[in-house]
C-alpha atoms as a PDB file:
ATOM      1  CA  MET A   1     -83.237  77.177 -93.985  1.00  0.00           C
ATOM      2  CA  LYS A   2     -81.993  75.665 -97.154  1.00  0.00           C
ATOM      3  CA  GLN A   3     -78.789  76.475 -98.630  1.00  0.00           C
ATOM      4  CA  LEU A   4     -77.573  75.451-102.415  1.00  0.00           C
ATOM      5  CA  SER A   5     -74.094  73.515-102.332  1.00  0.00           C
ATOM      6  CA  LEU A   6     -71.998  75.994-104.570  1.00  0.00           C
ATOM      7  CA  ASP A   7     -69.760  73.221-105.579  1.00  0.00           C
ATOM      8  CA  ASN A   8     -72.717  71.380-106.677  1.00  0.00           C
ATOM      9  CA  LEU A   9     -73.770  74.408-108.532  1.00  0.00           C
ATOM     10  CA  ARG A  10     -70.541  74.710-110.224  1.00  0.00           C
ATOM     11  CA  THR A  11     -70.227  71.028-111.387  1.00  0.00           C
ATOM     12  CA  PHE A  12     -74.158  71.706-112.905  1.00  0.00           C
ATOM     13  CA  VAL A  13     -72.696  74.788-114.750  1.00  0.00           C
ATOM     14  CA  SER A  14     -69.490  72.983-115.833  1.00  0.00           C
ATOM     15  CA  VAL A  15     -71.686  70.053-117.235  1.00  0.00           C
ATOM     16  CA  ILE A  16     -73.435  72.310-119.409  1.00  0.00           C
ATOM     17  CA  GLU A  17     -70.611  74.572-120.522  1.00  0.00           C
ATOM     18  CA  GLN A  18     -68.551  71.455-120.994  1.00  0.00           C
ATOM     19  CA  GLY A  19     -70.877  69.672-123.153  1.00  0.00           C
ATOM     20  CA  GLY A  20     -71.520  66.418-120.935  1.00  0.00           C
ATOM     21  CA  TYR A  21     -70.750  64.848-117.735  1.00  0.00           C
ATOM     22  CA  ALA A  22     -67.224  63.206-118.531  1.00  0.00           C
ATOM     23  CA  LYS A  23     -66.020  66.639-120.062  1.00  0.00           C
ATOM     24  CA  ALA A  24     -67.305  68.711-117.018  1.00  0.00           C
ATOM     25  CA  GLY A  25     -65.087  65.824-114.660  1.00  0.00           C
ATOM     26  CA  GLU A  26     -61.769  66.797-116.699  1.00  0.00           C
ATOM     27  CA  TRP A  27     -62.502  70.033-116.406  1.00  0.00           C
ATOM     28  CA  LEU A  28     -63.067  69.692-112.324  1.00  0.00           C
ATOM     29  CA  GLY A  29     -60.677  66.894-111.989  1.00  0.00           C
ATOM     30  CA  ARG A  30     -63.522  64.541-110.878  1.00  0.00           C
ATOM     31  CA  SER A  31     -64.661  61.219-112.167  1.00  0.00           C
ATOM     32  CA  GLN A  32     -67.882  60.654-114.173  1.00  0.00           C
ATOM     33  CA  PRO A  33     -69.807  59.028-111.115  1.00  0.00           C
ATOM     34  CA  ALA A  34     -68.975  62.062-108.879  1.00  0.00           C
ATOM     35  CA  ILE A  35     -70.406  64.769-111.525  1.00  0.00           C
ATOM     36  CA  SER A  36     -73.484  62.532-111.827  1.00  0.00           C
ATOM     37  CA  LEU A  37     -73.647  62.204-107.788  1.00  0.00           C
ATOM     38  CA  GLN A  38     -73.393  65.779-107.537  1.00  0.00           C
ATOM     39  CA  ILE A  39     -75.956  66.574-109.858  1.00  0.00           C
ATOM     40  CA  LYS A  40     -78.572  64.226-108.252  1.00  0.00           C
ATOM     41  CA  LYS A  41     -77.920  65.424-105.142  1.00  0.00           C
ATOM     42  CA  LEU A  42     -78.792  69.128-106.514  1.00  0.00           C
ATOM     43  CA  GLU A  43     -82.007  67.493-108.405  1.00  0.00           C
ATOM     44  CA  VAL A  44     -83.186  65.966-105.029  1.00  0.00           C
ATOM     45  CA  GLN A  45     -82.591  69.516-103.272  1.00  0.00           C
ATOM     46  CA  LEU A  46     -84.499  71.323-105.721  1.00  0.00           C
ATOM     47  CA  ASP A  47     -87.043  68.567-106.538  1.00  0.00           C
ATOM     48  CA  ARG A  48     -86.308  69.782-110.257  1.00  0.00           C
ATOM     49  CA  LYS A  49     -85.199  67.766-113.249  1.00  0.00           C
ATOM     50  CA  LEU A  50     -82.175  69.510-114.617  1.00  0.00           C
ATOM     51  CA  PHE A  51     -80.825  67.150-117.283  1.00  0.00           C
ATOM     52  CA  THR A  52     -82.638  65.083-120.124  1.00  0.00           C
ATOM     53  CA  LYS A  53     -80.483  62.338-121.846  1.00  0.00           C
ATOM     54  CA  VAL A  54     -80.583  62.321-125.655  1.00  0.00           C
ATOM     55  CA  GLY A  55     -78.775  59.549-126.990  1.00  0.00           C
ATOM     56  CA  GLN A  56     -75.561  59.788-125.338  1.00  0.00           C
ATOM     57  CA  ARG A  57     -75.557  63.297-124.335  1.00  0.00           C
ATOM     58  CA  HIS A  58     -76.950  65.223-121.447  1.00  0.00           C
ATOM     59  CA  LEU A  59     -78.664  68.421-122.218  1.00  0.00           C
ATOM     60  CA  PRO A  60     -80.626  71.113-119.958  1.00  0.00           C
ATOM     61  CA  SER A  61     -84.156  70.602-119.211  1.00  0.00           C
ATOM     62  CA  SER A  62     -86.775  73.807-119.222  1.00  0.00           C
ATOM     63  CA  ASP A  63     -85.595  74.074-115.456  1.00  0.00           C
ATOM     64  CA  GLY A  64     -81.981  73.651-116.079  1.00  0.00           C
ATOM     65  CA  ASN A  65     -82.153  76.093-118.170  1.00  0.00           C
ATOM     66  CA  TRP A  66     -83.955  78.562-116.449  1.00  0.00           C
ATOM     67  CA  LEU A  67     -81.468  77.851-113.167  1.00  0.00           C
ATOM     68  CA  TYR A  68     -78.204  78.668-115.527  1.00  0.00           C
ATOM     69  CA  PRO A  69     -77.992  81.818-115.547  1.00  0.00           C
ATOM     70  CA  LYS A  70     -78.984  81.945-111.924  1.00  0.00           C
ATOM     71  CA  ALA A  71     -76.323  79.674-110.989  1.00  0.00           C
ATOM     72  CA  LYS A  72     -73.776  81.732-113.079  1.00  0.00           C
ATOM     73  CA  GLU A  73     -74.396  84.422-111.350  1.00  0.00           C
ATOM     74  CA  LEU A  74     -74.200  83.429-107.764  1.00  0.00           C
ATOM     75  CA  LEU A  75     -70.754  81.829-108.601  1.00  0.00           C
ATOM     76  CA  GLU A  76     -69.405  85.201-110.190  1.00  0.00           C
ATOM     77  CA  MET A  77     -70.108  86.617-107.045  1.00  0.00           C
ATOM     78  CA  ASN A  78     -68.605  83.988-104.641  1.00  0.00           C
ATOM     79  CA  ASP A  79     -65.641  84.127-106.907  1.00  0.00           C
ATOM     80  CA  ALA A  80     -65.880  88.113-107.266  1.00  0.00           C
ATOM     81  CA  ILE A  81     -65.769  88.397-103.374  1.00  0.00           C
ATOM     82  CA  PHE A  82     -62.256  85.808-103.127  1.00  0.00           C
ATOM     83  CA  ARG A  83     -60.794  87.688-105.601  1.00  0.00           C
ATOM     84  CA  SER A  84     -61.466  91.213-103.769  1.00  0.00           C
ATOM     85  CA  LEU A  85     -60.133  89.415-100.548  1.00  0.00           C
ATOM     86  CA  THR A  86     -56.897  87.788-101.771  1.00  0.00           C
ATOM     87  CA  PRO A  87     -54.221  89.897-103.050  1.00  0.00           C
ATOM     88  CA  ALA A  88     -52.607  88.847-106.445  1.00  0.00           C
ATOM     89  CA  PRO A  89     -49.016  87.681-105.820  1.00  0.00           C
ATOM     90  CA  LEU A  90     -46.556  90.334-106.648  1.00  0.00           C
ATOM     91  CA  SER A  91     -44.487  90.069-109.771  1.00  0.00           C
ATOM     92  CA  GLY A  92     -42.728  92.190-112.452  1.00  0.00           C
ATOM     93  CA  ARG A  93     -39.208  94.366-112.583  1.00  0.00           C
ATOM     94  CA  LEU A  94     -38.055  96.738-109.713  1.00  0.00           C
ATOM     95  CA  ARG A  95     -35.144  98.949-110.049  1.00  0.00           C
ATOM     96  CA  LEU A  96     -33.480  99.775-107.162  1.00  0.00           C
ATOM     97  CA  GLY A  97     -30.522 102.547-106.490  1.00  0.00           C
ATOM     98  CA  ILE A  98     -29.057 101.845-103.270  1.00  0.00           C
ATOM     99  CA  PRO A  99     -25.391 103.378-101.783  1.00  0.00           C
ATOM    100  CA  ASN A 100     -22.691 101.082-102.208  1.00  0.00           C
ATOM    101  CA  GLU A 101     -22.109 100.735 -98.437  1.00  0.00           C
ATOM    102  CA  PHE A 102     -25.553  99.754 -98.018  1.00  0.00           C
ATOM    103  CA  ALA A 103     -25.362  97.439-100.975  1.00  0.00           C
ATOM    104  CA  SER A 104     -22.931  95.258 -99.090  1.00  0.00           C
ATOM    105  CA  THR A 105     -24.008  95.418 -95.683  1.00  0.00           C
ATOM    106  CA  LEU A 106     -27.971  95.472 -95.952  1.00  0.00           C
ATOM    107  CA  LEU A 107     -29.027  93.859 -99.139  1.00  0.00           C
ATOM    108  CA  PRO A 108     -27.144  90.122 -99.025  1.00  0.00           C
ATOM    109  CA  GLY A 109     -30.053  89.095 -96.207  1.00  0.00           C
ATOM    110  CA  LEU A 110     -32.926  91.739 -97.570  1.00  0.00           C
ATOM    111  CA  ILE A 111     -32.716  90.080-100.668  1.00  0.00           C
ATOM    112  CA  GLY A 112     -32.370  86.696 -99.853  1.00  0.00           C
ATOM    113  CA  GLU A 113     -35.784  86.989 -97.638  1.00  0.00           C
ATOM    114  CA  PHE A 114     -37.819  89.264-100.188  1.00  0.00           C
ATOM    115  CA  SER A 115     -36.997  86.751-103.237  1.00  0.00           C
ATOM    116  CA  LYS A 116     -38.666  83.803-100.895  1.00  0.00           C
ATOM    117  CA  ARG A 117     -41.146  85.938-100.299  1.00  0.00           C
ATOM    118  CA  TYR A 118     -42.249  87.465-103.796  1.00  0.00           C
ATOM    119  CA  PRO A 119     -40.438  85.051-106.206  1.00  0.00           C
ATOM    120  CA  ASP A 120     -41.937  86.603-109.258  1.00  0.00           C
ATOM    121  CA  VAL A 121     -40.521  89.736-108.278  1.00  0.00           C
ATOM    122  CA  SER A 122     -37.149  90.475-110.384  1.00  0.00           C
ATOM    123  CA  LEU A 123     -34.516  92.864-108.709  1.00  0.00           C
ATOM    124  CA  GLU A 124     -32.184  94.875-110.311  1.00  0.00           C
ATOM    125  CA  VAL A 125     -29.956  96.769-108.324  1.00  0.00           C
ATOM    126  CA  THR A 126     -27.373  99.232-108.922  1.00  0.00           C
ATOM    127  CA  SER A 127     -25.257 100.747-106.205  1.00  0.00           C
ATOM    128  CA  ALA A 128     -23.616 104.263-106.637  1.00  0.00           C
ATOM    129  CA  LEU A 129     -22.801 107.385-104.743  1.00  0.00           C
ATOM    130  CA  SER A 130     -25.996 109.089-103.342  1.00  0.00           C
ATOM    131  CA  ARG A 131     -25.676 112.161-105.210  1.00  0.00           C
ATOM    132  CA  ASP A 132     -25.185 109.797-108.446  1.00  0.00           C
ATOM    133  CA  LEU A 133     -28.082 107.812-107.570  1.00  0.00           C
ATOM    134  CA  LEU A 134     -30.118 111.311-107.526  1.00  0.00           C
ATOM    135  CA  HIS A 135     -28.723 113.393-109.995  1.00  0.00           C
ATOM    136  CA  PRO A 136     -31.343 114.938-112.526  1.00  0.00           C
ATOM    137  CA  ALA A 137     -29.922 112.840-115.547  1.00  0.00           C
ATOM    138  CA  ARG A 138     -29.785 109.309-113.610  1.00  0.00           C
ATOM    139  CA  ARG A 139     -32.721 109.145-111.342  1.00  0.00           C
ATOM    140  CA  GLU A 140     -35.558 108.718-113.507  1.00  0.00           C
ATOM    141  CA  GLN A 141     -33.334 104.945-114.127  1.00  0.00           C
ATOM    142  CA  PHE A 142     -34.962 103.643-111.022  1.00  0.00           C
ATOM    143  CA  ASP A 143     -38.275 103.072-109.544  1.00  0.00           C
ATOM    144  CA  LEU A 144     -36.988 103.135-105.631  1.00  0.00           C
ATOM    145  CA  ILE A 145     -33.912 104.899-104.215  1.00  0.00           C
ATOM    146  CA  LEU A 146     -32.657 104.674-101.007  1.00  0.00           C
ATOM    147  CA  ALA A 147     -30.121 107.792-100.494  1.00  0.00           C
ATOM    148  CA  LEU A 148     -27.887 109.755 -97.618  1.00  0.00           C
ATOM    149  CA  VAL A 149     -29.509 113.314 -97.552  1.00  0.00           C
ATOM    150  CA  ASN A 150     -28.084 116.117 -95.377  1.00  0.00           C
ATOM    151  CA  PRO A 151     -30.441 117.090 -92.661  1.00  0.00           C
ATOM    152  CA  GLU A 152     -30.123 120.644 -93.362  1.00  0.00           C
ATOM    153  CA  GLU A 153     -31.073 119.920 -97.138  1.00  0.00           C
ATOM    154  CA  GLU A 154     -34.819 119.716 -98.482  1.00  0.00           C
ATOM    155  CA  THR A 155     -36.350 116.551 -99.649  1.00  0.00           C
ATOM    156  CA  LYS A 156     -38.962 114.636-101.380  1.00  0.00           C
ATOM    157  CA  GLY A 157     -37.660 111.393-100.194  1.00  0.00           C
ATOM    158  CA  GLU A 158     -39.468 109.597 -96.932  1.00  0.00           C
ATOM    159  CA  ARG A 159     -36.991 109.908 -94.263  1.00  0.00           C
ATOM    160  CA  VAL A 160     -36.356 106.486 -92.908  1.00  0.00           C
ATOM    161  CA  LEU A 161     -34.035 107.134 -90.200  1.00  0.00           C
ATOM    162  CA  GLU A 162     -31.861 110.070 -88.793  1.00  0.00           C
ATOM    163  CA  ASP A 163     -28.647 107.934 -88.319  1.00  0.00           C
ATOM    164  CA  GLU A 164     -25.236 109.102 -86.993  1.00  0.00           C
ATOM    165  CA  VAL A 165     -22.169 108.831 -88.725  1.00  0.00           C
ATOM    166  CA  VAL A 166     -19.486 107.178 -86.944  1.00  0.00           C
ATOM    167  CA  TRP A 167     -15.874 106.890 -87.194  1.00  0.00           C
ATOM    168  CA  VAL A 168     -15.048 103.487 -88.310  1.00  0.00           C
ATOM    169  CA  GLY A 169     -11.827 101.114 -87.875  1.00  0.00           C
ATOM    170  CA  ASP A 170     -10.033  98.079 -86.732  1.00  0.00           C
ATOM    171  CA  PRO A 171      -9.712  98.243 -82.934  1.00  0.00           C
ATOM    172  CA  SER A 172      -6.542  96.032 -83.260  1.00  0.00           C
ATOM    173  CA  ARG A 173      -5.079  99.177 -84.866  1.00  0.00           C
ATOM    174  CA  PRO A 174      -4.502 101.734 -82.435  1.00  0.00           C
ATOM    175  CA  LEU A 175      -4.610 104.967 -83.967  1.00  0.00           C
ATOM    176  CA  VAL A 176      -1.816 107.524 -83.847  1.00  0.00           C
ATOM    177  CA  SER A 177      -2.325 110.521 -81.950  1.00  0.00           C
ATOM    178  CA  ASP A 178      -0.145 112.887 -84.272  1.00  0.00           C
ATOM    179  CA  SER A 179      -1.912 112.603 -87.276  1.00  0.00           C
ATOM    180  CA  ILE A 180      -4.794 111.334 -88.778  1.00  0.00           C
ATOM    181  CA  SER A 181      -4.816 108.596 -92.189  1.00  0.00           C
ATOM    182  CA  LEU A 182      -8.118 108.119 -93.891  1.00  0.00           C
ATOM    183  CA  VAL A 183      -9.270 105.549 -96.173  1.00  0.00           C
ATOM    184  CA  LEU A 184     -12.273 107.191 -98.035  1.00  0.00           C
ATOM    185  CA  ALA A 185     -14.678 106.644-101.184  1.00  0.00           C
ATOM    186  CA  PRO A 186     -13.972 109.785-104.142  1.00  0.00           C
ATOM    187  CA  ASP A 187     -15.056 113.190-104.327  1.00  0.00           C
ATOM    188  CA  GLY A 188     -18.905 113.243-104.345  1.00  0.00           C
ATOM    189  CA  CYS A 189     -19.401 110.708-101.079  1.00  0.00           C
ATOM    190  CA  MET A 190     -20.484 112.281 -98.513  1.00  0.00           C
ATOM    191  CA  TYR A 191     -18.833 111.056 -95.854  1.00  0.00           C
ATOM    192  CA  ARG A 192     -15.893 111.712 -97.619  1.00  0.00           C
ATOM    193  CA  SER A 193     -17.361 115.549 -97.335  1.00  0.00           C
ATOM    194  CA  ARG A 194     -18.123 115.431 -93.818  1.00  0.00           C
ATOM    195  CA  VAL A 195     -15.042 114.009 -92.788  1.00  0.00           C
ATOM    196  CA  ILE A 196     -12.680 116.590 -94.539  1.00  0.00           C
ATOM    197  CA  GLU A 197     -15.152 119.375 -92.963  1.00  0.00           C
ATOM    198  CA  GLN A 198     -14.935 118.423 -89.767  1.00  0.00           C
ATOM    199  CA  LEU A 199     -10.839 117.749 -89.688  1.00  0.00           C
ATOM    200  CA  LYS A 200     -10.398 121.348 -91.519  1.00  0.00           C
ATOM    201  CA  GLN A 201     -11.722 122.672 -88.299  1.00  0.00           C
ATOM    202  CA  GLN A 202      -8.981 121.747 -86.102  1.00  0.00           C
ATOM    203  CA  THR A 203      -5.153 122.157 -86.487  1.00  0.00           C
ATOM    204  CA  ARG A 204      -4.431 117.878 -85.998  1.00  0.00           C
ATOM    205  CA  ALA A 205      -2.304 116.893 -89.368  1.00  0.00           C
ATOM    206  CA  TRP A 206      -4.379 114.394 -91.367  1.00  0.00           C
ATOM    207  CA  LYS A 207      -3.872 112.781 -95.049  1.00  0.00           C
ATOM    208  CA  ILE A 208      -6.090 110.913 -97.428  1.00  0.00           C
ATOM    209  CA  THR A 209      -3.797 107.182 -97.665  1.00  0.00           C
ATOM    210  CA  TYR A 210      -6.759 105.620 -99.717  1.00  0.00           C
ATOM    211  CA  THR A 211      -9.235 105.804-102.261  1.00  0.00           C
ATOM    212  CA  ASN A 212     -11.953 103.146-103.148  1.00  0.00           C
ATOM    213  CA  ALA A 213     -15.502 103.454-104.141  1.00  0.00           C
ATOM    214  CA  ASP A 214     -16.633 100.110-103.177  1.00  0.00           C
ATOM    215  CA  LEU A 215     -17.026  98.996 -99.455  1.00  0.00           C
ATOM    216  CA  SER A 216     -15.037  96.042 -99.785  1.00  0.00           C
ATOM    217  CA  GLY A 217     -11.921  97.797-100.843  1.00  0.00           C
ATOM    218  CA  LEU A 218     -12.231 100.530 -97.743  1.00  0.00           C
ATOM    219  CA  VAL A 219     -12.654  97.650 -95.397  1.00  0.00           C
ATOM    220  CA  ALA A 220      -9.501  95.868 -96.599  1.00  0.00           C
ATOM    221  CA  ALA A 221      -7.405  99.138 -96.543  1.00  0.00           C
ATOM    222  CA  ILE A 222      -8.618  99.450 -92.984  1.00  0.00           C
ATOM    223  CA  GLN A 223      -7.965  95.703 -92.112  1.00  0.00           C
ATOM    224  CA  GLN A 224      -4.381  96.765 -93.636  1.00  0.00           C
ATOM    225  CA  GLY A 225      -3.758  99.808 -91.318  1.00  0.00           C
ATOM    226  CA  LEU A 226      -4.250 102.171 -93.894  1.00  0.00           C
ATOM    227  CA  GLY A 227      -6.270 104.351 -91.725  1.00  0.00           C
ATOM    228  CA  VAL A 228      -9.892 104.867 -90.402  1.00  0.00           C
ATOM    229  CA  THR A 229     -13.194 105.990 -92.484  1.00  0.00           C
ATOM    230  CA  ALA A 230     -16.625 107.110 -92.173  1.00  0.00           C
ATOM    231  CA  LEU A 231     -20.192 105.788 -91.944  1.00  0.00           C
ATOM    232  CA  ALA A 232     -23.453 105.627 -91.332  1.00  0.00           C
ATOM    233  CA  ARG A 233     -24.070 103.742 -88.180  1.00  0.00           C
ATOM    234  CA  SER A 234     -26.722 101.389 -89.880  1.00  0.00           C
ATOM    235  CA  SER A 235     -24.357 100.429 -92.529  1.00  0.00           C
ATOM    236  CA  LEU A 236     -21.492  99.226 -90.385  1.00  0.00           C
ATOM    237  CA  PRO A 237     -20.056  95.799 -91.503  1.00  0.00           C
ATOM    238  CA  GLN A 238     -19.729  93.137 -89.073  1.00  0.00           C
ATOM    239  CA  ASN A 239     -15.939  92.985 -89.019  1.00  0.00           C
ATOM    240  CA  LEU A 240     -15.213  96.799 -88.444  1.00  0.00           C
ATOM    241  CA  THR A 241     -16.253  98.828 -84.931  1.00  0.00           C
ATOM    242  CA  PRO A 242     -17.089 102.411 -84.169  1.00  0.00           C
ATOM    243  CA  LEU A 243     -14.418 104.428 -83.261  1.00  0.00           C
ATOM    244  CA  SER A 244     -14.183 106.904 -80.280  1.00  0.00           C
ATOM    245  CA  HIS A 245     -11.081 109.061 -79.542  1.00  0.00           C
ATOM    246  CA  PRO A 246     -10.258 112.239 -78.719  1.00  0.00           C
ATOM    247  CA  ILE A 247      -8.583 113.362 -81.643  1.00  0.00           C
ATOM    248  CA  LEU A 248     -11.260 112.158 -83.873  1.00  0.00           C
ATOM    249  CA  PRO A 249     -14.220 114.854 -83.955  1.00  0.00           C
ATOM    250  CA  LYS A 250     -17.711 114.337 -84.170  1.00  0.00           C
ATOM    251  CA  LEU A 251     -19.418 113.984 -87.465  1.00  0.00           C
ATOM    252  CA  GLY A 252     -22.824 114.890 -86.575  1.00  0.00           C
ATOM    253  CA  LYS A 253     -26.023 113.051 -88.383  1.00  0.00           C
ATOM    254  CA  VAL A 254     -27.457 111.935 -91.674  1.00  0.00           C
ATOM    255  CA  ASN A 255     -30.892 111.278 -93.013  1.00  0.00           C
ATOM    256  CA  ILE A 256     -31.544 107.980 -95.044  1.00  0.00           C
ATOM    257  CA  CYS A 257     -34.126 108.501 -97.164  1.00  0.00           C
ATOM    258  CA  LEU A 258     -36.491 106.486 -99.940  1.00  0.00           C
ATOM    259  CA  PHE A 259     -37.559 107.889-102.965  1.00  0.00           C
ATOM    260  CA  ASN A 260     -40.491 105.927-104.767  1.00  0.00           C
ATOM    261  CA  GLN A 261     -40.377 106.752-107.789  1.00  0.00           C
ATOM    262  CA  ASP A 262     -42.392 103.827-109.473  1.00  0.00           C
ATOM    263  CA  THR A 263     -45.683 104.222-111.329  1.00  0.00           C
ATOM    264  CA  GLN A 264     -45.927 101.070-112.874  1.00  0.00           C
ATOM    265  CA  HIS A 265     -45.619  98.692-109.918  1.00  0.00           C
ATOM    266  CA  PRO A 266     -46.431 101.058-106.972  1.00  0.00           C
ATOM    267  CA  VAL A 267     -47.446  97.913-104.482  1.00  0.00           C
ATOM    268  CA  ILE A 268     -44.337  96.055-105.326  1.00  0.00           C
ATOM    269  CA  SER A 269     -42.398  99.371-104.637  1.00  0.00           C
ATOM    270  CA  LYS A 270     -43.914  99.838-101.800  1.00  0.00           C
ATOM    271  CA  THR A 271     -43.486  96.535-100.299  1.00  0.00           C
ATOM    272  CA  LEU A 272     -39.837  96.549-100.751  1.00  0.00           C
ATOM    273  CA  SER A 273     -39.655 100.027 -99.310  1.00  0.00           C
ATOM    274  CA  GLU A 274     -41.311  98.484 -96.310  1.00  0.00           C
ATOM    275  CA  PHE A 275     -38.685  95.671 -95.955  1.00  0.00           C
ATOM    276  CA  ILE A 276     -35.885  98.219 -95.884  1.00  0.00           C
ATOM    277  CA  THR A 277     -37.240 100.251 -93.508  1.00  0.00           C
ATOM    278  CA  SER A 278     -37.834  97.713 -90.937  1.00  0.00           C
ATOM    279  CA  ARG A 279     -34.320  96.361 -91.623  1.00  0.00           C
ATOM    280  CA  LEU A 280     -32.742 100.030 -91.333  1.00  0.00           C
ATOM    281  CA  LYS A 281     -34.751 100.233 -88.263  1.00  0.00           C
ATOM    282  CA  ALA A 282     -33.674  97.208 -86.752  1.00  0.00           C
ATOM    283  CA  SER A 283     -29.782  97.929 -87.187  1.00  0.00           C
ATOM    284  CA  ALA A 284     -29.836 101.293 -85.851  1.00  0.00           C
END
């Protein structure tokens, strides 16, 4: 079976479309002798003269004109196959909404890895309370939202992980048994609501000694001995540990969900969702 060289056919088509051997060579990044050699090989294989030299120009012969549209068709089919099987590089802007604690613990490593793999994707990240991210007046500002959802709530989000809410503190600072000092995020924080709800069901004294919406502020307060807080286990910073103590009630579970709202860049959103999901499950 004889087989045509697509490389030689591409050179043949380029000579016709670029108007000569020299210009075809510039177009393909090859020397003029290399172009001549490829055309010669094609002519020998087909046993046809494909070009006629008129002055300094090479014009297609009648056989060359006959071959030209067929060569174009073969090359277009070849290129279409590779386009179909080779995914286009991801590019565009993605607006991500994420809770404060995950922005501090999950994002640094994830964003670096994602950006290296997809350098043409611009990530615009906003961190806030889950309640604020999912508020109807605000959620349309984001393409992808990671948020905490109570297990009993109905949600349109995809549950990535059912996580445990744990007490968090500095193990070098033991708890005082007569009362519980708390460092918490502001009203609207799910952890704050869960902690207060559980503590109200027991008789032990408790007080909020410090409030800050930022995780780094809560961590600093804990390390200064101002109290303890609560977080999803998968969002724990490395410098704090879960606490287990008879005076601390169980805080139950929380669903960590992804809300994919992006209709302009669905592939980018899906790819980042997969990154976030794999990182969360690895940290659980």
